[in-house]
C-alpha atoms as a PDB file:
ATOM      1  CA  MET A   1     -23.302  18.826  -1.032  1.00  0.00           C
ATOM      2  CA  THR A   2     -22.830  19.964  -4.574  1.00  0.00           C
ATOM      3  CA  TRP A   3     -22.391  17.597  -7.496  1.00  0.00           C
ATOM      4  CA  LEU A   4     -18.837  18.767  -8.055  1.00  0.00           C
ATOM      5  CA  ARG A   5     -17.857  17.935  -4.462  1.00  0.00           C
ATOM      6  CA  LEU A   6     -19.490  14.516  -4.746  1.00  0.00           C
ATOM      7  CA  ILE A   7     -17.636  13.745  -7.978  1.00  0.00           C
ATOM      8  CA  GLY A   8     -14.369  14.892  -6.371  1.00  0.00           C
ATOM      9  CA  LEU A   9     -14.941  12.697  -3.322  1.00  0.00           C
ATOM     10  CA  LEU A  10     -15.719   9.668  -5.478  1.00  0.00           C
ATOM     11  CA  GLY A  11     -12.582  10.309  -7.547  1.00  0.00           C
ATOM     12  CA  LEU A  12     -10.395  10.434  -4.435  1.00  0.00           C
ATOM     13  CA  ALA A  13     -11.919   7.231  -3.082  1.00  0.00           C
ATOM     14  CA  LEU A  14     -11.395   5.441  -6.405  1.00  0.00           C
ATOM     15  CA  GLY A  15      -7.757   6.570  -6.528  1.00  0.00           C
ATOM     16  CA  ALA A  16      -7.131   5.317  -2.993  1.00  0.00           C
ATOM     17  CA  TRP A  17      -8.753   1.957  -3.800  1.00  0.00           C
ATOM     18  CA  ARG A  18      -6.649   1.508  -6.950  1.00  0.00           C
ATOM     19  CA  SER A  19      -3.453   2.344  -5.051  1.00  0.00           C
ATOM     20  CA  LEU A  20      -4.263  -0.215  -2.372  1.00  0.00           C
ATOM     21  CA  ALA A  21      -5.097  -2.882  -4.977  1.00  0.00           C
ATOM     22  CA  ALA A  22      -1.792  -2.226  -6.800  1.00  0.00           C
ATOM     23  CA  LEU A  23       0.219  -3.247  -3.722  1.00  0.00           C
ATOM     24  CA  GLY A  24      -0.335  -6.929  -4.383  1.00  0.00           C
ATOM     25  CA  THR A  25      -0.342  -9.759  -1.864  1.00  0.00           C
ATOM     26  CA  PRO A  26       1.339  -8.973   1.457  1.00  0.00           C
ATOM     27  CA  ILE A  27       3.975 -11.064   3.201  1.00  0.00           C
ATOM     28  CA  ARG A  28       3.306 -11.503   6.921  1.00  0.00           C
ATOM     29  CA  SER A  29       6.191 -11.385   9.349  1.00  0.00           C
ATOM     30  CA  ASN A  30       5.869 -10.911  13.123  1.00  0.00           C
ATOM     31  CA  GLY A  31       2.199  -9.990  12.711  1.00  0.00           C
ATOM     32  CA  ARG A  32       2.931  -7.165  10.274  1.00  0.00           C
ATOM     33  CA  ARG A  33       2.206  -6.995   6.557  1.00  0.00           C
ATOM     34  CA  TYR A  34       4.992  -6.133   4.148  1.00  0.00           C
ATOM     35  CA  TYR A  35       4.604  -5.557   0.415  1.00  0.00           C
ATOM     36  CA  LEU A  36       7.256  -6.452  -2.162  1.00  0.00           C
ATOM     37  CA  GLN A  37       8.659  -3.471  -4.072  1.00  0.00           C
ATOM     38  CA  PRO A  38      10.100  -3.557  -7.616  1.00  0.00           C
ATOM     39  CA  ASP A  39      13.660  -3.296  -6.261  1.00  0.00           C
ATOM     40  CA  GLY A  40      13.266  -6.498  -4.186  1.00  0.00           C
ATOM     41  CA  ARG A  41      12.858  -4.784  -0.813  1.00  0.00           C
ATOM     42  CA  TYR A  42       9.721  -4.770   1.359  1.00  0.00           C
ATOM     43  CA  ARG A  43       7.624  -1.896   2.701  1.00  0.00           C
ATOM     44  CA  ARG A  44       4.585  -1.403   4.895  1.00  0.00           C
ATOM     45  CA  TRP A  45       1.318  -0.208   3.308  1.00  0.00           C
ATOM     46  CA  TYR A  46       1.866   3.405   4.386  1.00  0.00           C
ATOM     47  CA  GLY A  47       5.367   3.648   2.895  1.00  0.00           C
ATOM     48  CA  GLY A  48       8.122   4.471   5.331  1.00  0.00           C
ATOM     49  CA  ARG A  49      11.538   2.940   5.024  1.00  0.00           C
ATOM     50  CA  SER A  50      12.102  -0.213   3.039  1.00  0.00           C
ATOM     51  CA  TYR A  51      13.485  -3.428   4.535  1.00  0.00           C
ATOM     52  CA  ARG A  52      15.721  -6.139   3.139  1.00  0.00           C
ATOM     53  CA  PRO A  53      14.243  -9.639   3.382  1.00  0.00           C
ATOM     54  CA  ASP A  54      16.715 -10.620   6.120  1.00  0.00           C
ATOM     55  CA  GLU A  55      15.706  -7.618   8.237  1.00  0.00           C
ATOM     56  CA  ILE A  56      12.112  -8.839   8.544  1.00  0.00           C
ATOM     57  CA  GLY A  57      12.924 -12.501   8.983  1.00  0.00           C
ATOM     58  CA  LEU A  58      12.455 -13.914   5.499  1.00  0.00           C
END
C-alpha cells in the first residue's frame, strides 16, 4: 500500500468519525435510535426520511 493511499484511507475514516460524533445523543424509541435535527424533526443515523416527534412516540 502506498503512502498516498494510506493517508487517503485515514482521511476518510476521520471524516466518518467526525460525522458520527456530530449527530449528538440519540433518542431511543421502539428499540431504534433517532437523532434530533436542527429543524426539530428526528432522523436515523443513515439519513432517510425525517419523523415528527409524534410519529415515533415522543
